Structure formats: structure tokens, C-alpha cells
Amino acid sequence: MTSSHRSDSAPVNRQSAEVAVGLLVPPVLLGILVTRALADGLTQLGLVSEQLFSGDRLPNLKMPPIAPDIATSAPEG
């Protein structure tokens, strides 16, 4: 009797596993596609920002002269 119960439950378990896999596959595939699209979009954004902030478009900044450090100057005396 136990063996017949096991044989009856095996197809049910297999069918429930197949249903579970069937329900989980579309969200996983959608997640992969969204991740790929997001990665491509961020790559394009990085390229655009690199062109925007390249040295050709930014003005040269005039830096004030650096004062000598007091600690490294020769002591008077």
C-alpha cells in the first residue's frame, strides 16, 4: 500500500515541479534582459559623460602660484 502511494505522489510532485519551473522561468529571463539593457544604458551614459567632460570642452584653469612651505625653508639665524 505504501508503494502504491509513492507511485501516485511521484507524478504529482513532478508536475508541481514542472509548474514551478514554468512559472519561474519568465521572471528570470526578464531579469536577465533588464540587466543587460541597464548595463548597455549605463555604458552609453558613461561614454556620453566622458565626451562631455573631456579636456577639449573645459577651459584651462589658472592656478595661483604655490607658496613655499615654511617647514622646508632654511632657518634664519
N, C-alpha and C. Protein backbone atom coordinates (compact mmCIF):
# COMPACT_ATOMS: atom_id res chain seq x y z
N MET A 1 0.81 -1.19 0.00
CA MET A 1 0.00 0.00 0.00
C MET A 1 0.87 1.27 0.00
N THR A 2 1.96 1.20 0.71
CA THR A 2 2.86 2.34 0.74
C THR A 2 3.50 2.55 -0.63
N SER A 3 3.84 1.45 -1.31
CA SER A 3 4.48 1.59 -2.61
C SER A 3 3.53 2.20 -3.63
N SER A 4 2.23 1.86 -3.56
CA SER A 4 1.28 2.46 -4.49
C SER A 4 1.07 3.94 -4.18
N HIS A 5 1.15 4.29 -2.89
CA HIS A 5 1.02 5.69 -2.52
C HIS A 5 2.21 6.50 -3.04
N ARG A 6 3.40 5.92 -2.98
CA ARG A 6 4.58 6.61 -3.50
C ARG A 6 4.50 6.78 -5.02
N SER A 7 4.02 5.79 -5.72
CA SER A 7 3.93 5.89 -7.17
C SER A 7 2.87 6.92 -7.58
N ASP A 8 1.83 7.07 -6.76
CA ASP A 8 0.81 8.07 -7.07
C ASP A 8 1.31 9.49 -6.80
N SER A 9 2.13 9.66 -5.79
CA SER A 9 2.59 11.00 -5.43
C SER A 9 3.74 11.47 -6.31
N ALA A 10 4.48 10.55 -6.92
CA ALA A 10 5.61 10.93 -7.76
C ALA A 10 5.17 11.77 -8.96
N PRO A 11 4.13 11.39 -9.71
CA PRO A 11 3.71 12.26 -10.82
C PRO A 11 3.21 13.61 -10.35
N VAL A 12 2.56 13.66 -9.19
CA VAL A 12 2.08 14.94 -8.67
C VAL A 12 3.26 15.85 -8.33
N ASN A 13 4.29 15.28 -7.68
CA ASN A 13 5.47 16.07 -7.34
C ASN A 13 6.19 16.54 -8.60
N ARG A 14 6.26 15.67 -9.60
CA ARG A 14 6.93 16.04 -10.84
C ARG A 14 6.15 17.13 -11.56
N GLN A 15 4.84 17.02 -11.58
CA GLN A 15 4.03 18.03 -12.24
C GLN A 15 4.12 19.36 -11.50
N SER A 16 4.12 19.32 -10.18
CA SER A 16 4.22 20.58 -9.43
C SER A 16 5.59 21.22 -9.63
N ALA A 17 6.62 20.39 -9.76
CA ALA A 17 7.96 20.93 -10.03
C ALA A 17 8.01 21.56 -11.41
N GLU A 18 7.39 20.91 -12.38
CA GLU A 18 7.37 21.47 -13.73
C GLU A 18 6.58 22.77 -13.79
N VAL A 19 5.50 22.84 -13.05
CA VAL A 19 4.71 24.08 -13.00
C VAL A 19 5.53 25.18 -12.34
N ALA A 20 6.23 24.83 -11.25
CA ALA A 20 7.05 25.83 -10.55
C ALA A 20 8.15 26.36 -11.46
N VAL A 21 8.81 25.46 -12.18
CA VAL A 21 9.86 25.89 -13.11
C VAL A 21 9.26 26.73 -14.23
N GLY A 22 8.12 26.33 -14.73
CA GLY A 22 7.46 27.09 -15.78
C GLY A 22 7.06 28.49 -15.34
N LEU A 23 6.70 28.62 -14.08
CA LEU A 23 6.33 29.95 -13.57
C LEU A 23 7.54 30.81 -13.24
N LEU A 24 8.68 30.19 -12.94
CA LEU A 24 9.86 30.95 -12.55
C LEU A 24 10.74 31.35 -13.74
N VAL A 25 10.63 30.68 -14.85
CA VAL A 25 11.49 30.97 -15.99
C VAL A 25 11.24 32.37 -16.58
N PRO A 26 10.00 32.79 -16.83
CA PRO A 26 9.81 34.13 -17.42
C PRO A 26 10.37 35.28 -16.57
N PRO A 27 10.18 35.30 -15.25
CA PRO A 27 10.79 36.40 -14.48
C PRO A 27 12.32 36.39 -14.52
N VAL A 28 12.91 35.21 -14.55
CA VAL A 28 14.37 35.12 -14.63
C VAL A 28 14.85 35.66 -15.97
N LEU A 29 14.20 35.26 -17.06
CA LEU A 29 14.58 35.76 -18.38
C LEU A 29 14.37 37.27 -18.49
N LEU A 30 13.28 37.75 -17.93
CA LEU A 30 13.02 39.19 -17.94
C LEU A 30 14.09 39.93 -17.14
N GLY A 31 14.49 39.36 -16.02
CA GLY A 31 15.54 39.97 -15.21
C GLY A 31 16.86 40.03 -15.96
N ILE A 32 17.18 38.99 -16.70
CA ILE A 32 18.41 38.99 -17.50
C ILE A 32 18.35 40.07 -18.57
N LEU A 33 17.21 40.18 -19.24
CA LEU A 33 17.08 41.20 -20.29
C LEU A 33 17.15 42.62 -19.72
N VAL A 34 16.51 42.84 -18.58
CA VAL A 34 16.54 44.16 -17.95
C VAL A 34 17.95 44.50 -17.50
N THR A 35 18.65 43.52 -16.94
CA THR A 35 20.02 43.75 -16.51
C THR A 35 20.92 44.09 -17.69
N ARG A 36 20.75 43.38 -18.79
CA ARG A 36 21.56 43.66 -19.98
C ARG A 36 21.26 45.06 -20.53
N ALA A 37 19.98 45.42 -20.58
CA ALA A 37 19.59 46.74 -21.08
C ALA A 37 20.11 47.84 -20.16
N LEU A 38 20.05 47.60 -18.86
CA LEU A 38 20.56 48.58 -17.90
C LEU A 38 22.07 48.75 -18.03
N ALA A 39 22.78 47.65 -18.21
CA ALA A 39 24.23 47.72 -18.39
C ALA A 39 24.59 48.48 -19.67
N ASP A 40 23.87 48.21 -20.75
CA ASP A 40 24.12 48.93 -22.01
C ASP A 40 23.82 50.42 -21.86
N GLY A 41 22.73 50.73 -21.18
CA GLY A 41 22.38 52.14 -20.96
C GLY A 41 23.42 52.86 -20.12
N LEU A 42 23.91 52.22 -19.08
CA LEU A 42 24.93 52.85 -18.24
C LEU A 42 26.25 53.00 -19.00
N THR A 43 26.55 52.05 -19.88
CA THR A 43 27.76 52.17 -20.70
C THR A 43 27.65 53.37 -21.64
N GLN A 44 26.49 53.52 -22.27
CA GLN A 44 26.28 54.67 -23.15
C GLN A 44 26.34 55.98 -22.38
N LEU A 45 25.77 56.00 -21.18
CA LEU A 45 25.82 57.19 -20.34
C LEU A 45 27.25 57.53 -19.98
N GLY A 46 28.05 56.53 -19.70
CA GLY A 46 29.46 56.76 -19.39
C GLY A 46 30.21 57.33 -20.58
N LEU A 47 29.93 56.83 -21.76
CA LEU A 47 30.59 57.36 -22.96
C LEU A 47 30.19 58.81 -23.22
N VAL A 48 28.92 59.11 -23.05
CA VAL A 48 28.45 60.48 -23.26
C VAL A 48 29.08 61.42 -22.23
N SER A 49 29.13 61.00 -20.98
CA SER A 49 29.71 61.86 -19.96
C SER A 49 31.20 62.04 -20.16
N GLU A 50 31.86 61.01 -20.69
CA GLU A 50 33.29 61.13 -20.99
C GLU A 50 33.51 62.18 -22.07
N GLN A 51 32.66 62.19 -23.09
CA GLN A 51 32.78 63.19 -24.14
C GLN A 51 32.45 64.59 -23.61
N LEU A 52 31.46 64.64 -22.73
CA LEU A 52 31.05 65.93 -22.20
C LEU A 52 32.13 66.56 -21.33
N PHE A 53 32.79 65.73 -20.53
CA PHE A 53 33.78 66.25 -19.60
C PHE A 53 35.21 66.09 -20.10
N SER A 54 35.39 65.91 -21.38
CA SER A 54 36.75 65.79 -21.91
C SER A 54 37.45 67.15 -21.83
N GLY A 55 38.75 67.13 -21.88
CA GLY A 55 39.53 68.35 -21.75
C GLY A 55 39.34 69.33 -22.88
N ASP A 56 38.84 68.89 -24.02
CA ASP A 56 38.64 69.78 -25.17
C ASP A 56 37.56 70.82 -24.89
N ARG A 57 36.60 70.47 -24.07
CA ARG A 57 35.47 71.37 -23.87
C ARG A 57 35.59 72.19 -22.59
N LEU A 58 36.50 71.85 -21.73
CA LEU A 58 36.64 72.59 -20.47
C LEU A 58 37.71 73.66 -20.63
N PRO A 59 37.52 74.81 -20.02
CA PRO A 59 38.55 75.85 -20.10
C PRO A 59 39.74 75.50 -19.21
N ASN A 60 40.89 76.06 -19.55
CA ASN A 60 42.07 75.88 -18.70
C ASN A 60 41.92 76.74 -17.46
N LEU A 61 42.18 76.16 -16.34
CA LEU A 61 42.08 76.90 -15.09
C LEU A 61 43.44 77.48 -14.72
N LYS A 62 43.45 78.75 -14.35
CA LYS A 62 44.69 79.39 -13.94
C LYS A 62 44.86 79.14 -12.44
N MET A 63 45.91 78.42 -12.11
CA MET A 63 46.17 78.10 -10.72
C MET A 63 47.10 79.16 -10.12
N PRO A 64 46.82 79.58 -8.90
CA PRO A 64 47.72 80.54 -8.25
C PRO A 64 49.05 79.86 -7.93
N PRO A 65 50.13 80.65 -7.89
CA PRO A 65 51.43 80.05 -7.57
C PRO A 65 51.40 79.46 -6.16
N ILE A 66 52.10 78.36 -6.01
CA ILE A 66 52.13 77.68 -4.72
C ILE A 66 53.20 78.34 -3.85
N ALA A 67 52.83 78.78 -2.65
CA ALA A 67 53.78 79.39 -1.72
C ALA A 67 54.70 78.33 -1.17
N PRO A 68 55.99 78.66 -0.94
CA PRO A 68 56.91 77.68 -0.39
C PRO A 68 56.46 77.28 1.03
N ASP A 69 56.70 76.05 1.36
CA ASP A 69 56.31 75.53 2.66
C ASP A 69 57.25 76.09 3.74
N ILE A 70 56.72 76.56 4.82
CA ILE A 70 57.51 77.16 5.89
C ILE A 70 58.40 76.11 6.54
N ALA A 71 57.96 74.91 6.67
CA ALA A 71 58.73 73.86 7.33
C ALA A 71 59.95 73.46 6.52
N THR A 72 59.92 73.59 5.20
CA THR A 72 61.06 73.18 4.38
C THR A 72 62.02 74.33 4.11
N SER A 73 61.69 75.56 4.46
CA SER A 73 62.60 76.68 4.20
C SER A 73 63.74 76.64 5.20
N ALA A 74 64.89 77.22 4.80
CA ALA A 74 66.09 77.23 5.66
C ALA A 74 65.85 78.14 6.85
N PRO A 75 66.27 77.69 8.02
CA PRO A 75 66.07 78.53 9.21
C PRO A 75 67.00 79.75 9.18
N GLU A 76 66.51 80.86 9.65
CA GLU A 76 67.30 82.10 9.69
C GLU A 76 68.09 82.14 10.98
N GLY A 77 69.30 82.64 10.91
CA GLY A 77 69.95 82.83 12.17
C GLY A 77 71.33 82.69 12.20
